[in-house]
Amino acid sequence: DTLKAKMSCGHAVKPQSLTAWCRSLMDQGQYEFFCPAPVNGT
């Protein structure tokens, strides 16, 4: 029931999870963000 939006790669996110995920990567020193979604269950 929570509204999700499509990223440019076609995968869906919510604003709060996207913010938290980016902050987590920045805490690890990363400054680029790449979609972590698995491809075809692999």
Full PDB file with SEQRES, HELIX, SHEET, SSBOND, CRYST1, ORIGX, SCALE, CONECT and MASTER records, all heavy atoms in Angstrom:
SEQRES   1 A   42  ASP THR LEU LYS ALA LYS MET SER CYS GLY HIS ALA VAL          
SEQRES   2 A   42  LYS PRO GLN SER LEU THR ALA TRP CYS ARG SER LEU MET          
SEQRES   3 A   42  ASP GLN GLY GLN TYR GLU PHE PHE CYS PRO ALA PRO VAL          
SEQRES   4 A   42  ASN GLY THR                                                  
HELIX    1 AA1 PRO A   15  ASP A   27  1                                  13    
CRYST1    1.000    1.000    1.000  90.00  90.00  90.00 P 1           1          
ORIGX1      1.000000  0.000000  0.000000        0.00000                         
ORIGX2      0.000000  1.000000  0.000000        0.00000                         
ORIGX3      0.000000  0.000000  1.000000        0.00000                         
SCALE1      1.000000  0.000000  0.000000        0.00000                         
SCALE2      0.000000  1.000000  0.000000        0.00000                         
SCALE3      0.000000  0.000000  1.000000        0.00000                         
ATOM      1  N   ASP A   1       0.811  -1.214   0.000  1.00  0.00           N  
ATOM      2  CA  ASP A   1       0.000   0.000   0.000  1.00  0.00           C  
ATOM      3  C   ASP A   1       0.851   1.274   0.000  1.00  0.00           C  
ATOM      4  O   ASP A   1       0.316   2.375  -0.124  1.00  0.00           O  
ATOM      5  CB  ASP A   1      -0.941   0.014   1.218  1.00  0.00           C  
ATOM      6  CG  ASP A   1      -1.947  -1.128   1.168  1.00  0.00           C  
ATOM      7  OD1 ASP A   1      -2.371  -1.483   0.054  1.00  0.00           O  
ATOM      8  OD2 ASP A   1      -2.289  -1.647   2.245  1.00  0.00           O  
ATOM      9  N   THR A   2       2.161   1.127   0.185  1.00  0.00           N  
ATOM     10  CA  THR A   2       3.054   2.296   0.199  1.00  0.00           C  
ATOM     11  C   THR A   2       3.460   2.645  -1.227  1.00  0.00           C  
ATOM     12  O   THR A   2       3.868   1.783  -2.000  1.00  0.00           O  
ATOM     13  CB  THR A   2       4.312   2.011   1.036  1.00  0.00           C  
ATOM     14  OG1 THR A   2       3.917   1.697   2.382  1.00  0.00           O  
ATOM     15  CG2 THR A   2       5.233   3.220   1.054  1.00  0.00           C  
ATOM     16  N   LEU A   3       3.353   3.907  -1.550  1.00  0.00           N  
ATOM     17  CA  LEU A   3       3.660   4.366  -2.901  1.00  0.00           C  
ATOM     18  C   LEU A   3       5.165   4.291  -3.158  1.00  0.00           C  
ATOM     19  O   LEU A   3       5.970   4.748  -2.356  1.00  0.00           O  
ATOM     20  CB  LEU A   3       3.177   5.804  -3.074  1.00  0.00           C  
ATOM     21  CG  LEU A   3       2.850   6.300  -4.485  1.00  0.00           C  
ATOM     22  CD1 LEU A   3       1.785   5.424  -5.131  1.00  0.00           C  
ATOM     23  CD2 LEU A   3       2.401   7.749  -4.422  1.00  0.00           C  
ATOM     24  N   LYS A   4       5.528   3.694  -4.310  1.00  0.00           N  
ATOM     25  CA  LYS A   4       6.930   3.562  -4.695  1.00  0.00           C  
ATOM     26  C   LYS A   4       7.119   4.168  -6.074  1.00  0.00           C  
ATOM     27  O   LYS A   4       6.211   4.153  -6.903  1.00  0.00           O  
ATOM     28  CB  LYS A   4       7.365   2.103  -4.685  1.00  0.00           C  
ATOM     29  CG  LYS A   4       7.113   1.387  -3.364  1.00  0.00           C  
ATOM     30  CD  LYS A   4       7.413  -0.087  -3.451  1.00  0.00           C  
ATOM     31  CE  LYS A   4       6.882  -0.808  -2.220  1.00  0.00           C  
ATOM     32  NZ  LYS A   4       5.400  -0.897  -2.230  1.00  0.00           N  
ATOM     33  N   ALA A   5       8.320   4.687  -6.310  1.00  0.00           N  
ATOM     34  CA  ALA A   5       8.623   5.322  -7.593  1.00  0.00           C  
ATOM     35  C   ALA A   5       9.705   4.530  -8.315  1.00  0.00           C  
ATOM     36  O   ALA A   5      10.539   3.858  -7.691  1.00  0.00           O  
ATOM     37  CB  ALA A   5       9.070   6.767  -7.389  1.00  0.00           C  
ATOM     38  N   LYS A   6       9.693   4.645  -9.631  1.00  0.00           N  
ATOM     39  CA  LYS A   6      10.636   3.898 -10.461  1.00  0.00           C  
ATOM     40  C   LYS A   6      11.900   4.731 -10.695  1.00  0.00           C  
ATOM     41  O   LYS A   6      11.832   5.884 -11.108  1.00  0.00           O  
ATOM     42  CB  LYS A   6       9.994   3.537 -11.798  1.00  0.00           C  
ATOM     43  CG  LYS A   6      10.893   2.718 -12.719  1.00  0.00           C  
ATOM     44  CD  LYS A   6      10.254   2.497 -14.081  1.00  0.00           C  
ATOM     45  CE  LYS A   6       9.079   1.550 -13.995  1.00  0.00           C  
ATOM     46  NZ  LYS A   6       8.567   1.195 -15.345  1.00  0.00           N  
ATOM     47  N   MET A   7      13.051   4.106 -10.423  1.00  0.00           N  
ATOM     48  CA  MET A   7      14.327   4.727 -10.745  1.00  0.00           C  
ATOM     49  C   MET A   7      14.574   4.604 -12.250  1.00  0.00           C  
ATOM     50  O   MET A   7      13.842   3.894 -12.962  1.00  0.00           O  
ATOM     51  CB  MET A   7      15.464   4.064  -9.964  1.00  0.00           C  
ATOM     52  CG  MET A   7      15.343   4.175  -8.454  1.00  0.00           C  
ATOM     53  SD  MET A   7      15.506   5.857  -7.809  1.00  0.00           S  
ATOM     54  CE  MET A   7      17.263   6.149  -8.019  1.00  0.00           C  
ATOM     55  N   SER A   8      15.611   5.253 -12.749  1.00  0.00           N  
ATOM     56  CA  SER A   8      15.880   5.245 -14.187  1.00  0.00           C  
ATOM     57  C   SER A   8      16.188   3.854 -14.716  1.00  0.00           C  
ATOM     58  O   SER A   8      15.988   3.575 -15.899  1.00  0.00           O  
ATOM     59  CB  SER A   8      17.048   6.179 -14.502  1.00  0.00           C  
ATOM     60  OG  SER A   8      18.191   5.833 -13.731  1.00  0.00           O  
ATOM     61  N   CYS A   9      16.635   2.937 -13.847  1.00  0.00           N  
ATOM     62  CA  CYS A   9      16.936   1.570 -14.283  1.00  0.00           C  
ATOM     63  C   CYS A   9      15.693   0.694 -14.314  1.00  0.00           C  
ATOM     64  O   CYS A   9      15.741  -0.439 -14.791  1.00  0.00           O  
ATOM     65  CB  CYS A   9      17.974   0.945 -13.356  1.00  0.00           C  
ATOM     66  SG  CYS A   9      17.405   0.772 -11.643  1.00  0.00           S  
ATOM     67  N   GLY A  10      14.585   1.212 -13.768  1.00  0.00           N  
ATOM     68  CA  GLY A  10      13.344   0.457 -13.773  1.00  0.00           C  
ATOM     69  C   GLY A  10      12.979  -0.171 -12.448  1.00  0.00           C  
ATOM     70  O   GLY A  10      11.881  -0.715 -12.311  1.00  0.00           O  
ATOM     71  N   HIS A  11      13.866  -0.108 -11.451  1.00  0.00           N  
ATOM     72  CA  HIS A  11      13.573  -0.702 -10.147  1.00  0.00           C  
ATOM     73  C   HIS A  11      12.933   0.328  -9.215  1.00  0.00           C  
ATOM     74  O   HIS A  11      13.162   1.533  -9.348  1.00  0.00           O  
ATOM     75  CB  HIS A  11      14.844  -1.278  -9.531  1.00  0.00           C  
ATOM     76  CG  HIS A  11      15.360  -2.480 -10.272  1.00  0.00           C  
ATOM     77  ND1 HIS A  11      16.468  -2.431 -11.091  1.00  0.00           N  
ATOM     78  CD2 HIS A  11      14.877  -3.752 -10.346  1.00  0.00           C  
ATOM     79  CE1 HIS A  11      16.665  -3.626 -11.621  1.00  0.00           C  
ATOM     80  NE2 HIS A  11      15.717  -4.438 -11.187  1.00  0.00           N  
ATOM     81  N   ALA A  12      12.155  -0.182  -8.268  1.00  0.00           N  
ATOM     82  CA  ALA A  12      11.333   0.685  -7.422  1.00  0.00           C  
ATOM     83  C   ALA A  12      11.986   0.967  -6.072  1.00  0.00           C  
ATOM     84  O   ALA A  12      12.693   0.116  -5.508  1.00  0.00           O  
ATOM     85  CB  ALA A  12       9.970   0.040  -7.208  1.00  0.00           C  
ATOM     86  N   VAL A  13      11.723   2.161  -5.550  1.00  0.00           N  
ATOM     87  CA  VAL A  13      12.234   2.559  -4.235  1.00  0.00           C  
ATOM     88  C   VAL A  13      11.197   3.402  -3.506  1.00  0.00           C  
ATOM     89  O   VAL A  13      10.255   3.911  -4.108  1.00  0.00           O  
ATOM     90  CB  VAL A  13      13.537   3.382  -4.357  1.00  0.00           C  
ATOM     91  CG1 VAL A  13      14.652   2.576  -4.979  1.00  0.00           C  
ATOM     92  CG2 VAL A  13      13.295   4.676  -5.142  1.00  0.00           C  
ATOM     93  N   LYS A  14      11.391   3.519  -2.201  1.00  0.00           N  
ATOM     94  CA  LYS A  14      10.652   4.479  -1.387  1.00  0.00           C  
ATOM     95  C   LYS A  14      11.628   5.568  -0.961  1.00  0.00           C  
ATOM     96  O   LYS A  14      12.828   5.320  -0.841  1.00  0.00           O  
ATOM     97  CB  LYS A  14      10.036   3.795  -0.163  1.00  0.00           C  
ATOM     98  CG  LYS A  14       9.027   2.708  -0.480  1.00  0.00           C  
ATOM     99  CD  LYS A  14       8.198   2.356   0.745  1.00  0.00           C  
ATOM    100  CE  LYS A  14       9.025   1.805   1.883  1.00  0.00           C  
ATOM    101  NZ  LYS A  14       9.543   0.450   1.638  1.00  0.00           N  
ATOM    102  N   PRO A  15      11.158   6.774  -0.695  1.00  0.00           N  
ATOM    103  CA  PRO A  15      12.088   7.864  -0.369  1.00  0.00           C  
ATOM    104  C   PRO A  15      12.903   7.629   0.889  1.00  0.00           C  
ATOM    105  O   PRO A  15      14.089   7.929   0.930  1.00  0.00           O  
ATOM    106  CB  PRO A  15      11.171   9.082  -0.241  1.00  0.00           C  
ATOM    107  CG  PRO A  15       9.803   8.526  -0.001  1.00  0.00           C  
ATOM    108  CD  PRO A  15       9.752   7.221  -0.738  1.00  0.00           C  
ATOM    109  N   GLN A  16      12.272   7.068   1.941  1.00  0.00           N  
ATOM    110  CA  GLN A  16      13.007   6.898   3.180  1.00  0.00           C  
ATOM    111  C   GLN A  16      14.064   5.806   3.070  1.00  0.00           C  
ATOM    112  O   GLN A  16      15.165   5.921   3.606  1.00  0.00           O  
ATOM    113  CB  GLN A  16      12.067   6.618   4.367  1.00  0.00           C  
ATOM    114  CG  GLN A  16      11.288   5.312   4.279  1.00  0.00           C  
ATOM    115  CD  GLN A  16       9.947   5.494   3.608  1.00  0.00           C  
ATOM    116  OE1 GLN A  16       9.797   6.362   2.738  1.00  0.00           O  
ATOM    117  NE2 GLN A  16       8.973   4.685   3.982  1.00  0.00           N  
ATOM    118  N   SER A  17      13.756   4.725   2.337  1.00  0.00           N  
ATOM    119  CA  SER A  17      14.749   3.653   2.195  1.00  0.00           C  
ATOM    120  C   SER A  17      15.897   4.099   1.303  1.00  0.00           C  
ATOM    121  O   SER A  17      17.052   3.737   1.530  1.00  0.00           O  
ATOM    122  CB  SER A  17      14.102   2.387   1.625  1.00  0.00           C  
ATOM    123  OG  SER A  17      13.595   2.608   0.317  1.00  0.00           O  
ATOM    124  N   LEU A  18      15.605   4.896   0.286  1.00  0.00           N  
ATOM    125  CA  LEU A  18      16.653   5.400  -0.597  1.00  0.00           C  
ATOM    126  C   LEU A  18      17.591   6.332   0.172  1.00  0.00           C  
ATOM    127  O   LEU A  18      18.816   6.254   0.029  1.00  0.00           O  
ATOM    128  CB  LEU A  18      16.034   6.128  -1.790  1.00  0.00           C  
ATOM    129  CG  LEU A  18      17.011   6.705  -2.827  1.00  0.00           C  
ATOM    130  CD1 LEU A  18      17.902   5.606  -3.396  1.00  0.00           C  
ATOM    131  CD2 LEU A  18      16.237   7.416  -3.941  1.00  0.00           C  
ATOM    132  N   THR A  19      17.032   7.194   1.000  1.00  0.00           N  
ATOM    133  CA  THR A  19      17.860   8.094   1.807  1.00  0.00           C  
ATOM    134  C   THR A  19      18.761   7.314   2.748  1.00  0.00           C  
ATOM    135  O   THR A  19      19.972   7.562   2.838  1.00  0.00           O  
ATOM    136  CB  THR A  19      16.970   9.053   2.620  1.00  0.00           C  
ATOM    137  OG1 THR A  19      16.121   9.790   1.745  1.00  0.00           O  
ATOM    138  CG2 THR A  19      17.823  10.027   3.428  1.00  0.00           C  
ATOM    139  N   ALA A  20      18.187   6.340   3.460  1.00  0.00           N  
ATOM    140  CA  ALA A  20      18.955   5.553   4.432  1.00  0.00           C  
ATOM    141  C   ALA A  20      20.039   4.729   3.744  1.00  0.00           C  
ATOM    142  O   ALA A  20      21.163   4.609   4.245  1.00  0.00           O  
ATOM    143  CB  ALA A  20      18.018   4.645   5.223  1.00  0.00           C  
ATOM    144  N   TRP A  21      19.716   4.167   2.583  1.00  0.00           N  
ATOM    145  CA  TRP A  21      20.679   3.344   1.841  1.00  0.00           C  
ATOM    146  C   TRP A  21      21.867   4.190   1.378  1.00  0.00           C  
ATOM    147  O   TRP A  21      23.022   3.783   1.522  1.00  0.00           O  
ATOM    148  CB  TRP A  21      19.976   2.700   0.650  1.00  0.00           C  
ATOM    149  CG  TRP A  21      20.835   1.842  -0.216  1.00  0.00           C  
ATOM    150  CD1 TRP A  21      21.256   0.566   0.043  1.00  0.00           C  
ATOM    151  CD2 TRP A  21      21.361   2.182  -1.511  1.00  0.00           C  
ATOM    152  NE1 TRP A  21      22.017   0.098  -1.003  1.00  0.00           N  
ATOM    153  CE2 TRP A  21      22.097   1.072  -1.971  1.00  0.00           C  
ATOM    154  CE3 TRP A  21      21.269   3.321  -2.310  1.00  0.00           C  
ATOM    155  CZ2 TRP A  21      22.752   1.062  -3.207  1.00  0.00           C  
ATOM    156  CZ3 TRP A  21      21.914   3.316  -3.543  1.00  0.00           C  
ATOM    157  CH2 TRP A  21      22.640   2.198  -3.984  1.00  0.00           C  
ATOM    158  N   CYS A  22      21.596   5.374   0.862  1.00  0.00           N  
ATOM    159  CA  CYS A  22      22.674   6.261   0.406  1.00  0.00           C  
ATOM    160  C   CYS A  22      23.547   6.697   1.575  1.00  0.00           C  
ATOM    161  O   CYS A  22      24.778   6.744   1.465  1.00  0.00           O  
ATOM    162  CB  CYS A  22      22.096   7.475  -0.303  1.00  0.00           C  
ATOM    163  SG  CYS A  22      21.366   7.119  -1.915  1.00  0.00           S  
ATOM    164  N   ARG A  23      22.911   7.008   2.697  1.00  0.00           N  
ATOM    165  CA  ARG A  23      23.691   7.413   3.875  1.00  0.00           C  
ATOM    166  C   ARG A  23      24.604   6.271   4.330  1.00  0.00           C  
ATOM    167  O   ARG A  23      25.752   6.496   4.733  1.00  0.00           O  
ATOM    168  CB  ARG A  23      22.759   7.821   5.006  1.00  0.00           C  
ATOM    169  CG  ARG A  23      22.147   9.203   4.846  1.00  0.00           C  
ATOM    170  CD  ARG A  23      21.532   9.659   6.162  1.00  0.00           C  
ATOM    171  NE  ARG A  23      20.957  10.981   6.067  1.00  0.00           N  
ATOM    172  CZ  ARG A  23      21.642  12.109   6.111  1.00  0.00           C  
ATOM    173  NH1 ARG A  23      22.971  12.065   6.212  1.00  0.00           N  
ATOM    174  NH2 ARG A  23      21.043  13.282   6.033  1.00  0.00           N  
ATOM    175  N   SER A  24      24.093   5.046   4.275  1.00  0.00           N  
ATOM    176  CA  SER A  24      24.890   3.891   4.674  1.00  0.00           C  
ATOM    177  C   SER A  24      26.125   3.754   3.791  1.00  0.00           C  
ATOM    178  O   SER A  24      27.237   3.503   4.278  1.00  0.00           O  
ATOM    179  CB  SER A  24      24.043   2.618   4.591  1.00  0.00           C  
ATOM    180  OG  SER A  24      24.826   1.467   4.842  1.00  0.00           O  
ATOM    181  N   LEU A  25      25.958   3.939   2.484  1.00  0.00           N  
ATOM    182  CA  LEU A  25      27.093   3.847   1.569  1.00  0.00           C  
ATOM    183  C   LEU A  25      28.080   4.992   1.804  1.00  0.00           C  
ATOM    184  O   LEU A  25      29.299   4.792   1.764  1.00  0.00           O  
ATOM    185  CB  LEU A  25      26.609   3.863   0.125  1.00  0.00           C  
ATOM    186  CG  LEU A  25      25.828   2.632  -0.344  1.00  0.00           C  
ATOM    187  CD1 LEU A  25      25.454   2.767  -1.816  1.00  0.00           C  
ATOM    188  CD2 LEU A  25      26.635   1.361  -0.114  1.00  0.00           C  
ATOM    189  N   MET A  26      27.562   6.189   2.057  1.00  0.00           N  
ATOM    190  CA  MET A  26      28.445   7.324   2.326  1.00  0.00           C  
ATOM    191  C   MET A  26      29.249   7.094   3.601  1.00  0.00           C  
ATOM    192  O   MET A  26      30.418   7.482   3.691  1.00  0.00           O  
ATOM    193  CB  MET A  26      27.629   8.609   2.411  1.00  0.00           C  
ATOM    194  CG  MET A  26      27.081   9.073   1.063  1.00  0.00           C  
ATOM    195  SD  MET A  26      25.744  10.286   1.193  1.00  0.00           S  
ATOM    196  CE  MET A  26      26.546  11.626   2.066  1.00  0.00           C  
ATOM    197  N   ASP A  27      28.636   6.451   4.590  1.00  0.00           N  
ATOM    198  CA  ASP A  27      29.350   6.142   5.831  1.00  0.00           C  
ATOM    199  C   ASP A  27      30.513   5.187   5.569  1.00  0.00           C  
ATOM    200  O   ASP A  27      31.480   5.148   6.335  1.00  0.00           O  
ATOM    201  CB  ASP A  27      28.399   5.521   6.861  1.00  0.00           C  
ATOM    202  CG  ASP A  27      27.423   6.533   7.436  1.00  0.00           C  
ATOM    203  OD1 ASP A  27      27.665   7.746   7.291  1.00  0.00           O  
ATOM    204  OD2 ASP A  27      26.409   6.110   8.014  1.00  0.00           O  
ATOM    205  N   GLN A  28      30.401   4.386   4.492  1.00  0.00           N  
ATOM    206  CA  GLN A  28      31.476   3.476   4.108  1.00  0.00           C  
ATOM    207  C   GLN A  28      32.484   4.144   3.174  1.00  0.00           C  
ATOM    208  O   GLN A  28      33.431   3.508   2.720  1.00  0.00           O  
ATOM    209  CB  GLN A  28      30.901   2.241   3.412  1.00  0.00           C  
ATOM    210  CG  GLN A  28      29.987   1.394   4.276  1.00  0.00           C  
ATOM    211  CD  GLN A  28      29.441   0.207   3.510  1.00  0.00           C  
ATOM    212  OE1 GLN A  28      30.183  -0.537   2.874  1.00  0.00           O  
ATOM    213  NE2 GLN A  28      28.145   0.013   3.549  1.00  0.00           N  
ATOM    214  N   GLY A  29      32.258   5.425   2.869  1.00  0.00           N  
ATOM    215  CA  GLY A  29      33.192   6.145   2.022  1.00  0.00           C  
ATOM    216  C   GLY A  29      32.851   6.143   0.551  1.00  0.00           C  
ATOM    217  O   GLY A  29      33.632   6.610  -0.277  1.00  0.00           O  
ATOM    218  N   GLN A  30      31.679   5.636   0.188  1.00  0.00           N  
ATOM    219  CA  GLN A  30      31.313   5.596  -1.219  1.00  0.00           C  
ATOM    220  C   GLN A  30      30.592   6.879  -1.625  1.00  0.00           C  
ATOM    221  O   GLN A  30      29.796   7.415  -0.866  1.00  0.00           O  
ATOM    222  CB  GLN A  30      30.426   4.378  -1.501  1.00  0.00           C  
ATOM    223  CG  GLN A  30      31.138   3.052  -1.283  1.00  0.00           C  
ATOM    224  CD  GLN A  30      30.348   1.877  -1.826  1.00  0.00           C  
ATOM    225  OE1 GLN A  30      29.851   1.907  -2.940  1.00  0.00           O  
ATOM    226  NE2 GLN A  30      30.229   0.829  -1.022  1.00  0.00           N  
ATOM    227  N   TYR A  31      30.888   7.340  -2.819  1.00  0.00           N  
ATOM    228  CA  TYR A  31      30.281   8.569  -3.311  1.00  0.00           C  
ATOM    229  C   TYR A  31      29.524   8.360  -4.622  1.00  0.00           C  
ATOM    230  O   TYR A  31      28.961   9.299  -5.171  1.00  0.00           O  
ATOM    231  CB  TYR A  31      31.351   9.645  -3.519  1.00  0.00           C  
ATOM    232  CG  TYR A  31      32.379   9.289  -4.568  1.00  0.00           C  
ATOM    233  CD1 TYR A  31      32.222   9.693  -5.889  1.00  0.00           C  
ATOM    234  CD2 TYR A  31      33.486   8.534  -4.232  1.00  0.00           C  
ATOM    235  CE1 TYR A  31      33.149   9.351  -6.853  1.00  0.00           C  
ATOM    236  CE2 TYR A  31      34.425   8.191  -5.189  1.00  0.00           C  
ATOM    237  CZ  TYR A  31      34.251   8.604  -6.492  1.00  0.00           C  
ATOM    238  OH  TYR A  31      35.176   8.254  -7.443  1.00  0.00           O  
ATOM    239  N   GLU A  32      29.500   7.127  -5.112  1.00  0.00           N  
ATOM    240  CA  GLU A  32      28.726   6.782  -6.295  1.00  0.00           C  
ATOM    241  C   GLU A  32      27.715   5.715  -5.905  1.00  0.00           C  
ATOM    242  O   GLU A  32      27.989   4.870  -5.039  1.00  0.00           O  
ATOM    243  CB  GLU A  32      29.632   6.267  -7.418  1.00  0.00           C  
ATOM    244  CG  GLU A  32      30.600   7.313  -7.946  1.00  0.00           C  
ATOM    245  CD  GLU A  32      31.563   6.745  -8.977  1.00  0.00           C  
ATOM    246  OE1 GLU A  32      32.220   5.736  -8.663  1.00  0.00           O  
ATOM    247  OE2 GLU A  32      31.646   7.298 -10.079  1.00  0.00           O  
ATOM    248  N   PHE A  33      26.553   5.730  -6.544  1.00  0.00           N  
ATOM    249  CA  PHE A  33      25.475   4.839  -6.152  1.00  0.00           C  
ATOM    250  C   PHE A  33      25.030   4.002  -7.353  1.00  0.00           C  
ATOM    251  O   PHE A  33      24.718   4.548  -8.416  1.00  0.00           O  
ATOM    252  CB  PHE A  33      24.299   5.648  -5.598  1.00  0.00           C  
ATOM    253  CG  PHE A  33      24.703   6.613  -4.514  1.00  0.00           C  
ATOM    254  CD1 PHE A  33      24.793   7.976  -4.769  1.00  0.00           C  
ATOM    255  CD2 PHE A  33      25.019   6.156  -3.253  1.00  0.00           C  
ATOM    256  CE1 PHE A  33      25.182   8.866  -3.787  1.00  0.00           C  
ATOM    257  CE2 PHE A  33      25.410   7.039  -2.253  1.00  0.00           C  
ATOM    258  CZ  PHE A  33      25.494   8.402  -2.519  1.00  0.00           C  
ATOM    259  N   PHE A  34      25.003   2.694  -7.160  1.00  0.00           N  
ATOM    260  CA  PHE A  34      24.633   1.771  -8.222  1.00  0.00           C  
ATOM    261  C   PHE A  34      23.502   0.869  -7.732  1.00  0.00           C  
ATOM    262  O   PHE A  34      23.534   0.394  -6.591  1.00  0.00           O  
ATOM    263  CB  PHE A  34      25.831   0.924  -8.648  1.00  0.00           C  
ATOM    264  CG  PHE A  34      26.990   1.734  -9.176  1.00  0.00           C  
ATOM    265  CD1 PHE A  34      27.970   2.202  -8.313  1.00  0.00           C  
ATOM    266  CD2 PHE A  34      27.078   2.049 -10.524  1.00  0.00           C  
ATOM    267  CE1 PHE A  34      29.031   2.963  -8.783  1.00  0.00           C  
ATOM    268  CE2 PHE A  34      28.132   2.806 -11.007  1.00  0.00           C  
ATOM    269  CZ  PHE A  34      29.114   3.267 -10.140  1.00  0.00           C  
ATOM    270  N   CYS A  35      22.541   0.631  -8.588  1.00  0.00           N  
ATOM    271  CA  CYS A  35      21.377  -0.159  -8.206  1.00  0.00           C  
ATOM    272  C   CYS A  35      21.800  -1.548  -7.739  1.00  0.00           C  
ATOM    273  O   CYS A  35      22.462  -2.281  -8.477  1.00  0.00           O  
ATOM    274  CB  CYS A  35      20.407  -0.270  -9.387  1.00  0.00           C  
ATOM    275  SG  CYS A  35      18.961  -1.296  -9.017  1.00  0.00           S  
ATOM    276  N   PRO A  36      21.398  -1.960  -6.518  1.00  0.00           N  
ATOM    277  CA  PRO A  36      21.798  -3.257  -5.978  1.00  0.00           C  
ATOM    278  C   PRO A  36      20.814  -4.383  -6.283  1.00  0.00           C  
ATOM    279  O   PRO A  36      20.984  -5.503  -5.798  1.00  0.00           O  
ATOM    280  CB  PRO A  36      21.842  -2.989  -4.474  1.00  0.00           C  
ATOM    281  CG  PRO A  36      20.709  -2.023  -4.271  1.00  0.00           C  
ATOM    282  CD  PRO A  36      20.680  -1.145  -5.514  1.00  0.00           C  
ATOM    283  N   ALA A  37      19.784  -4.099  -7.067  1.00  0.00           N  
ATOM    284  CA  ALA A  37      18.747  -5.107  -7.314  1.00  0.00           C  
ATOM    285  C   ALA A  37      19.315  -6.321  -8.047  1.00  0.00           C  
ATOM    286  O   ALA A  37      20.068  -6.168  -9.021  1.00  0.00           O  
ATOM    287  CB  ALA A  37      17.610  -4.498  -8.135  1.00  0.00           C  
ATOM    288  N   PRO A  38      18.979  -7.534  -7.601  1.00  0.00           N  
ATOM    289  CA  PRO A  38      19.440  -8.742  -8.309  1.00  0.00           C  
ATOM    290  C   PRO A  38      18.766  -8.854  -9.672  1.00  0.00           C  
ATOM    291  O   PRO A  38      17.638  -8.401  -9.861  1.00  0.00           O  
ATOM    292  CB  PRO A  38      19.027  -9.874  -7.375  1.00  0.00           C  
ATOM    293  CG  PRO A  38      17.882  -9.310  -6.570  1.00  0.00           C  
ATOM    294  CD  PRO A  38      18.189  -7.853  -6.403  1.00  0.00           C  
ATOM    295  N   VAL A  39      19.484  -9.450 -10.597  1.00  0.00           N  
ATOM    296  CA  VAL A  39      18.970  -9.609 -11.957  1.00  0.00           C  
ATOM    297  C   VAL A  39      18.477 -11.031 -12.148  1.00  0.00           C  
ATOM    298  O   VAL A  39      19.236 -11.986 -12.009  1.00  0.00           O  
ATOM    299  CB  VAL A  39      20.064  -9.283 -12.997  1.00  0.00           C  
ATOM    300  CG1 VAL A  39      19.546  -9.513 -14.415  1.00  0.00           C  
ATOM    301  CG2 VAL A  39      20.530  -7.852 -12.835  1.00  0.00           C  
ATOM    302  N   ASN A  40      17.177 -11.167 -12.421  1.00  0.00           N  
ATOM    303  CA  ASN A  40      16.571 -12.469 -12.716  1.00  0.00           C  
ATOM    304  C   ASN A  40      16.866 -13.521 -11.648  1.00  0.00           C  
ATOM    305  O   ASN A  40      17.146 -14.680 -11.953  1.00  0.00           O  
ATOM    306  CB  ASN A  40      17.049 -12.980 -14.084  1.00  0.00           C  
ATOM    307  CG  ASN A  40      16.630 -12.050 -15.209  1.00  0.00           C  
ATOM    308  OD1 ASN A  40      15.563 -11.449 -15.165  1.00  0.00           O  
ATOM    309  ND2 ASN A  40      17.482 -11.930 -16.225  1.00  0.00           N  
ATOM    310  N   GLY A  41      16.853 -13.100 -10.390  1.00  0.00           N  
ATOM    311  CA  GLY A  41      17.017 -14.048  -9.299  1.00  0.00           C  
ATOM    312  C   GLY A  41      18.424 -14.589  -9.133  1.00  0.00           C  
ATOM    313  O   GLY A  41      18.641 -15.566  -8.422  1.00  0.00           O  
ATOM    314  N   THR A  42      19.426 -13.972  -9.760  1.00  0.00           N  
ATOM    315  CA  THR A  42      20.813 -14.422  -9.649  1.00  0.00           C  
ATOM    316  C   THR A  42      21.562 -13.564  -8.643  1.00  0.00           C  
ATOM    317  O   THR A  42      21.010 -12.650  -8.041  1.00  0.00           O  
ATOM    318  CB  THR A  42      21.520 -14.328 -11.019  1.00  0.00           C  
ATOM    319  OG1 THR A  42      21.663 -12.945 -11.366  1.00  0.00           O  
ATOM    320  CG2 THR A  42      20.694 -15.028 -12.102  1.00  0.00           C  
TER     321      THR A  42                                                      
MASTER        0    0    0    1    0    0    0    6  320    1    0    4          
END                                                                             
